[in-house]
């Protein structure tokens, strides 16, 4: 069965950096595009990054472009989200998703606060 397990969240000061990970299992990881979403408190879930099967193409919304970088390692079935220049409005639960399988992880909390 498909499993997505996020890790690496935590508390970081404004302007700081954090890298979160998503370990995938139960499907042929190399054949699927992957995405990161986030859900801030009291708001709807939104996409923050997506990556194609080989990692050749990545897409970001304007709110995080230039600050966030998605990557993947197909040898260990893991995707990453490197987040730099973090702002308080980046505070959210971050989720990993496989859109073609409509699969979601349970999320990891990222809090940006001084």
N, C-alpha and C. Protein backbone atom coordinates (compact mmCIF):
# COMPACT_ATOMS: atom_id res chain seq x y z
N UNK A 1 0.85 -1.18 0.00
CA UNK A 1 0.00 0.00 0.00
C UNK A 1 0.88 1.23 0.00
N UNK A 2 0.35 2.31 -0.57
CA UNK A 2 1.10 3.56 -0.67
C UNK A 2 1.29 4.16 0.72
N UNK A 3 2.54 4.52 1.01
CA UNK A 3 2.84 5.21 2.27
C UNK A 3 3.74 6.40 1.98
N UNK A 4 3.40 7.53 2.59
CA UNK A 4 4.20 8.75 2.50
C UNK A 4 4.42 9.24 3.92
N UNK A 5 5.69 9.38 4.31
CA UNK A 5 6.00 9.77 5.68
C UNK A 5 6.89 11.01 5.65
N UNK A 6 6.32 12.12 6.10
CA UNK A 6 7.06 13.38 6.16
C UNK A 6 7.84 13.47 7.47
N UNK A 7 8.95 14.19 7.41
CA UNK A 7 9.76 14.42 8.61
C UNK A 7 10.58 15.69 8.43
N UNK A 8 11.13 16.17 9.56
CA UNK A 8 12.04 17.30 9.51
C UNK A 8 11.43 18.64 9.88
N UNK A 9 10.15 18.66 10.19
CA UNK A 9 9.53 19.91 10.59
C UNK A 9 10.03 20.37 11.96
N UNK A 10 9.65 21.60 12.31
CA UNK A 10 10.06 22.13 13.60
C UNK A 10 9.86 23.61 13.69
N UNK A 11 10.49 24.20 14.71
CA UNK A 11 10.41 25.63 14.96
C UNK A 11 11.66 26.31 14.42
N UNK A 12 11.48 27.36 13.63
CA UNK A 12 12.61 28.09 13.06
C UNK A 12 12.33 29.58 13.13
N UNK A 13 13.37 30.37 13.29
CA UNK A 13 13.20 31.81 13.37
C UNK A 13 12.99 32.42 11.98
N UNK A 14 12.31 33.55 11.91
CA UNK A 14 12.16 34.24 10.61
C UNK A 14 13.53 34.48 9.97
N UNK A 15 13.59 34.23 8.66
CA UNK A 15 14.85 34.36 7.95
C UNK A 15 15.68 33.09 7.93
N UNK A 16 15.27 32.10 8.72
CA UNK A 16 16.00 30.86 8.80
C UNK A 16 15.66 29.89 7.70
N UNK A 17 16.28 28.71 7.78
CA UNK A 17 16.10 27.66 6.77
C UNK A 17 15.73 26.34 7.43
N UNK A 18 15.08 25.51 6.64
CA UNK A 18 14.68 24.19 7.11
C UNK A 18 14.53 23.28 5.90
N UNK A 19 14.90 22.02 6.05
CA UNK A 19 14.66 21.05 4.99
C UNK A 19 13.78 19.94 5.53
N UNK A 20 12.67 19.70 4.84
CA UNK A 20 11.79 18.60 5.21
C UNK A 20 11.87 17.51 4.15
N UNK A 21 11.53 16.30 4.57
CA UNK A 21 11.65 15.13 3.70
C UNK A 21 10.35 14.36 3.67
N UNK A 22 10.20 13.57 2.61
CA UNK A 22 9.05 12.67 2.49
C UNK A 22 9.55 11.35 1.94
N UNK A 23 9.47 10.30 2.76
CA UNK A 23 9.88 8.97 2.35
C UNK A 23 8.68 8.22 1.81
N UNK A 24 8.81 7.69 0.59
CA UNK A 24 7.69 7.02 -0.08
C UNK A 24 7.92 5.52 -0.18
N UNK A 25 6.83 4.76 -0.14
CA UNK A 25 6.90 3.31 -0.33
C UNK A 25 5.56 2.80 -0.84
N UNK A 26 5.57 1.57 -1.36
CA UNK A 26 4.33 0.95 -1.79
C UNK A 26 3.92 1.23 -3.23
N UNK A 27 4.75 1.92 -3.99
CA UNK A 27 4.47 2.18 -5.40
C UNK A 27 5.79 2.42 -6.12
N UNK A 28 5.73 2.43 -7.45
CA UNK A 28 6.94 2.63 -8.25
C UNK A 28 7.28 4.11 -8.29
N UNK A 29 8.02 4.54 -7.29
CA UNK A 29 8.30 5.96 -7.04
C UNK A 29 8.81 6.69 -8.27
N UNK A 30 9.68 6.04 -9.04
CA UNK A 30 10.34 6.73 -10.16
C UNK A 30 9.37 7.09 -11.27
N UNK A 31 8.19 6.53 -11.28
CA UNK A 31 7.23 6.76 -12.36
C UNK A 31 6.24 7.88 -12.08
N UNK A 32 6.34 8.50 -10.87
CA UNK A 32 5.33 9.47 -10.49
C UNK A 32 5.89 10.84 -10.15
N UNK A 33 5.21 11.87 -10.68
CA UNK A 33 5.49 13.22 -10.22
C UNK A 33 5.06 13.35 -8.76
N UNK A 34 5.70 14.25 -8.06
CA UNK A 34 5.44 14.43 -6.64
C UNK A 34 5.19 15.90 -6.33
N UNK A 35 4.49 16.15 -5.24
CA UNK A 35 4.14 17.51 -4.87
C UNK A 35 4.26 17.71 -3.37
N UNK A 36 4.51 18.95 -2.99
CA UNK A 36 4.38 19.39 -1.61
C UNK A 36 3.21 20.37 -1.53
N UNK A 37 2.40 20.20 -0.50
CA UNK A 37 1.33 21.12 -0.17
C UNK A 37 1.56 21.63 1.25
N UNK A 38 0.85 22.69 1.60
CA UNK A 38 0.84 23.15 2.98
C UNK A 38 -0.54 23.65 3.35
N UNK A 39 -0.84 23.59 4.64
CA UNK A 39 -2.11 24.12 5.15
C UNK A 39 -1.83 24.98 6.37
N UNK A 40 -1.89 26.31 6.19
CA UNK A 40 -1.72 27.21 7.32
C UNK A 40 -2.91 27.11 8.27
N UNK A 41 -2.76 27.53 9.51
CA UNK A 41 -3.86 27.46 10.47
C UNK A 41 -5.08 28.24 9.97
N UNK A 42 -6.23 27.60 9.94
CA UNK A 42 -7.46 28.25 9.55
C UNK A 42 -7.61 28.53 8.08
N UNK A 43 -6.72 28.01 7.26
CA UNK A 43 -6.77 28.27 5.82
C UNK A 43 -6.82 26.96 5.04
N UNK A 44 -7.09 27.09 3.72
CA UNK A 44 -7.15 25.90 2.87
C UNK A 44 -5.75 25.41 2.51
N UNK A 45 -5.71 24.15 2.13
CA UNK A 45 -4.46 23.55 1.70
C UNK A 45 -4.06 24.13 0.33
N UNK A 46 -2.75 24.40 0.15
CA UNK A 46 -2.27 24.97 -1.10
C UNK A 46 -1.01 24.27 -1.55
N UNK A 47 -0.83 24.18 -2.89
CA UNK A 47 0.37 23.57 -3.44
C UNK A 47 1.52 24.55 -3.32
N UNK A 48 2.70 24.05 -2.93
CA UNK A 48 3.88 24.91 -2.83
C UNK A 48 5.03 24.44 -3.72
N UNK A 49 4.97 23.21 -4.23
CA UNK A 49 6.04 22.76 -5.12
C UNK A 49 5.63 21.45 -5.80
N UNK A 50 6.08 21.28 -7.03
CA UNK A 50 5.90 20.01 -7.70
C UNK A 50 7.12 19.68 -8.54
N UNK A 51 7.35 18.39 -8.75
CA UNK A 51 8.55 17.94 -9.45
C UNK A 51 8.18 16.76 -10.33
N UNK A 52 8.76 16.72 -11.52
CA UNK A 52 8.50 15.64 -12.44
C UNK A 52 9.28 14.38 -12.05
N UNK A 53 9.07 13.30 -12.79
CA UNK A 53 9.63 12.01 -12.40
C UNK A 53 11.16 12.01 -12.31
N UNK A 54 11.80 12.73 -13.22
CA UNK A 54 13.27 12.75 -13.22
C UNK A 54 13.84 13.93 -12.43
N UNK A 55 12.97 14.84 -12.04
CA UNK A 55 13.44 16.04 -11.36
C UNK A 55 13.85 17.15 -12.31
N UNK A 56 13.64 16.94 -13.61
CA UNK A 56 14.09 17.92 -14.59
C UNK A 56 13.26 19.20 -14.55
N UNK A 57 12.01 19.09 -14.14
CA UNK A 57 11.13 20.26 -14.12
C UNK A 57 10.51 20.42 -12.74
N UNK A 58 10.54 21.65 -12.25
CA UNK A 58 9.91 21.98 -10.97
C UNK A 58 9.03 23.21 -11.15
N UNK A 59 7.99 23.29 -10.36
CA UNK A 59 7.04 24.41 -10.45
C UNK A 59 6.72 24.89 -9.05
N UNK A 60 6.64 26.22 -8.92
CA UNK A 60 6.35 26.84 -7.62
C UNK A 60 5.36 27.98 -7.81
N UNK A 61 4.52 28.23 -6.81
CA UNK A 61 3.70 29.45 -6.85
C UNK A 61 4.57 30.65 -6.50
N UNK A 62 4.09 31.84 -6.83
CA UNK A 62 4.87 33.06 -6.58
C UNK A 62 5.19 33.26 -5.11
N UNK A 63 4.32 32.76 -4.23
CA UNK A 63 4.51 32.98 -2.79
C UNK A 63 5.80 32.35 -2.25
N UNK A 64 6.32 31.32 -2.93
CA UNK A 64 7.52 30.65 -2.43
C UNK A 64 8.65 30.61 -3.46
N UNK A 65 8.38 31.04 -4.68
CA UNK A 65 9.38 30.95 -5.74
C UNK A 65 10.62 31.74 -5.36
N UNK A 66 11.79 31.12 -5.54
CA UNK A 66 13.05 31.75 -5.18
C UNK A 66 13.48 31.48 -3.76
N UNK A 67 12.56 30.96 -2.93
CA UNK A 67 12.89 30.65 -1.54
C UNK A 67 12.85 29.14 -1.26
N UNK A 68 11.95 28.44 -1.94
CA UNK A 68 11.78 27.00 -1.73
C UNK A 68 12.34 26.23 -2.92
N UNK A 69 12.91 25.06 -2.64
CA UNK A 69 13.42 24.19 -3.70
C UNK A 69 13.00 22.76 -3.42
N UNK A 70 12.31 22.17 -4.38
CA UNK A 70 11.93 20.76 -4.27
C UNK A 70 12.96 19.93 -5.02
N UNK A 71 13.26 18.75 -4.47
CA UNK A 71 14.18 17.83 -5.13
C UNK A 71 13.76 16.41 -4.81
N UNK A 72 14.36 15.46 -5.51
CA UNK A 72 14.03 14.07 -5.25
C UNK A 72 15.26 13.20 -5.44
N UNK A 73 15.27 12.09 -4.70
CA UNK A 73 16.31 11.09 -4.86
C UNK A 73 15.60 9.77 -5.18
N UNK A 74 15.63 9.40 -6.45
CA UNK A 74 14.90 8.20 -6.86
C UNK A 74 15.54 6.91 -6.35
N UNK A 75 16.79 6.98 -5.90
CA UNK A 75 17.45 5.77 -5.40
C UNK A 75 16.95 5.39 -4.01
N UNK A 76 16.46 6.38 -3.27
CA UNK A 76 15.97 6.09 -1.92
C UNK A 76 14.50 6.51 -1.75
N UNK A 77 13.83 6.78 -2.88
CA UNK A 77 12.38 7.03 -2.87
C UNK A 77 12.00 8.15 -1.90
N UNK A 78 12.70 9.27 -2.02
CA UNK A 78 12.48 10.38 -1.10
C UNK A 78 12.44 11.69 -1.87
N UNK A 79 11.55 12.58 -1.43
CA UNK A 79 11.59 13.94 -1.93
C UNK A 79 11.89 14.89 -0.77
N UNK A 80 12.38 16.06 -1.13
CA UNK A 80 12.79 17.04 -0.14
C UNK A 80 12.18 18.40 -0.49
N UNK A 81 12.07 19.23 0.52
CA UNK A 81 11.71 20.62 0.31
C UNK A 81 12.66 21.47 1.15
N UNK A 82 13.57 22.15 0.46
CA UNK A 82 14.48 23.08 1.11
C UNK A 82 13.81 24.43 1.17
N UNK A 83 13.66 24.96 2.37
CA UNK A 83 12.96 26.23 2.57
C UNK A 83 13.93 27.25 3.16
N UNK A 84 14.15 28.33 2.45
CA UNK A 84 15.05 29.39 2.90
C UNK A 84 14.28 30.69 3.09
N UNK A 85 14.90 31.62 3.79
CA UNK A 85 14.29 32.93 4.03
C UNK A 85 12.86 32.78 4.53
N UNK A 86 12.69 31.92 5.50
CA UNK A 86 11.34 31.61 5.99
C UNK A 86 10.69 32.82 6.65
N UNK A 87 9.37 32.89 6.47
CA UNK A 87 8.57 33.98 7.01
C UNK A 87 7.50 33.41 7.94
N UNK A 88 6.98 34.22 8.85
CA UNK A 88 5.91 33.71 9.74
C UNK A 88 4.72 33.15 8.95
N UNK A 89 4.44 33.72 7.78
CA UNK A 89 3.31 33.23 6.98
C UNK A 89 3.59 31.88 6.32
N UNK A 90 4.81 31.37 6.45
CA UNK A 90 5.10 30.01 5.97
C UNK A 90 4.70 28.96 7.01
N UNK A 91 4.29 29.39 8.18
CA UNK A 91 3.85 28.47 9.22
C UNK A 91 2.66 27.65 8.72
N UNK A 92 2.79 26.34 8.79
CA UNK A 92 1.75 25.45 8.24
C UNK A 92 2.12 24.00 8.53
N UNK A 93 1.17 23.13 8.29
CA UNK A 93 1.47 21.70 8.20
C UNK A 93 1.80 21.42 6.74
N UNK A 94 2.93 20.80 6.51
CA UNK A 94 3.39 20.51 5.15
C UNK A 94 3.15 19.04 4.83
N UNK A 95 2.53 18.82 3.66
CA UNK A 95 2.15 17.47 3.24
C UNK A 95 2.83 17.10 1.93
N UNK A 96 3.14 15.85 1.82
CA UNK A 96 3.65 15.25 0.60
C UNK A 96 2.47 14.61 -0.14
N UNK A 97 2.47 14.70 -1.47
CA UNK A 97 1.37 14.13 -2.24
C UNK A 97 1.84 13.48 -3.52
N UNK A 98 1.17 12.39 -3.90
CA UNK A 98 1.33 11.76 -5.21
C UNK A 98 0.05 12.03 -5.96
N UNK A 99 0.01 13.02 -6.84
CA UNK A 99 -1.26 13.42 -7.44
C UNK A 99 -1.93 12.33 -8.25
N UNK A 100 -1.18 11.53 -8.99
CA UNK A 100 -1.79 10.52 -9.84
C UNK A 100 -2.41 9.39 -9.04
N UNK A 101 -1.98 9.23 -7.80
CA UNK A 101 -2.53 8.20 -6.92
C UNK A 101 -3.46 8.79 -5.88
N UNK A 102 -3.58 10.10 -5.88
CA UNK A 102 -4.36 10.83 -4.86
C UNK A 102 -3.98 10.37 -3.46
N UNK A 103 -2.68 10.25 -3.22
CA UNK A 103 -2.17 9.80 -1.92
C UNK A 103 -1.54 10.97 -1.19
N UNK A 104 -1.77 10.99 0.11
CA UNK A 104 -1.25 12.06 0.97
C UNK A 104 -0.51 11.47 2.15
N UNK A 105 0.51 12.19 2.63
CA UNK A 105 1.13 11.86 3.89
C UNK A 105 0.34 12.48 5.03
N UNK A 106 0.83 12.27 6.25
CA UNK A 106 0.13 12.81 7.42
C UNK A 106 0.59 14.22 7.77
N UNK A 107 1.69 14.64 7.18
CA UNK A 107 2.13 16.02 7.37
C UNK A 107 3.18 16.19 8.45
N UNK A 108 3.90 17.31 8.35
CA UNK A 108 4.87 17.69 9.35
C UNK A 108 4.71 19.18 9.62
N UNK A 109 4.72 19.56 10.89
CA UNK A 109 4.46 20.95 11.28
C UNK A 109 5.72 21.79 11.13
N UNK A 110 5.58 22.92 10.46
CA UNK A 110 6.65 23.92 10.35
C UNK A 110 6.13 25.20 10.97
N UNK A 111 6.85 25.71 11.97
CA UNK A 111 6.46 26.94 12.65
C UNK A 111 7.60 27.95 12.53
N UNK A 112 7.27 29.11 11.99
CA UNK A 112 8.27 30.18 11.83
C UNK A 112 7.91 31.29 12.80
N UNK A 113 8.72 31.45 13.82
CA UNK A 113 8.40 32.41 14.87
C UNK A 113 9.66 32.76 15.64
N UNK A 114 9.70 33.99 16.14
CA UNK A 114 10.82 34.40 16.98
C UNK A 114 10.48 34.21 18.45
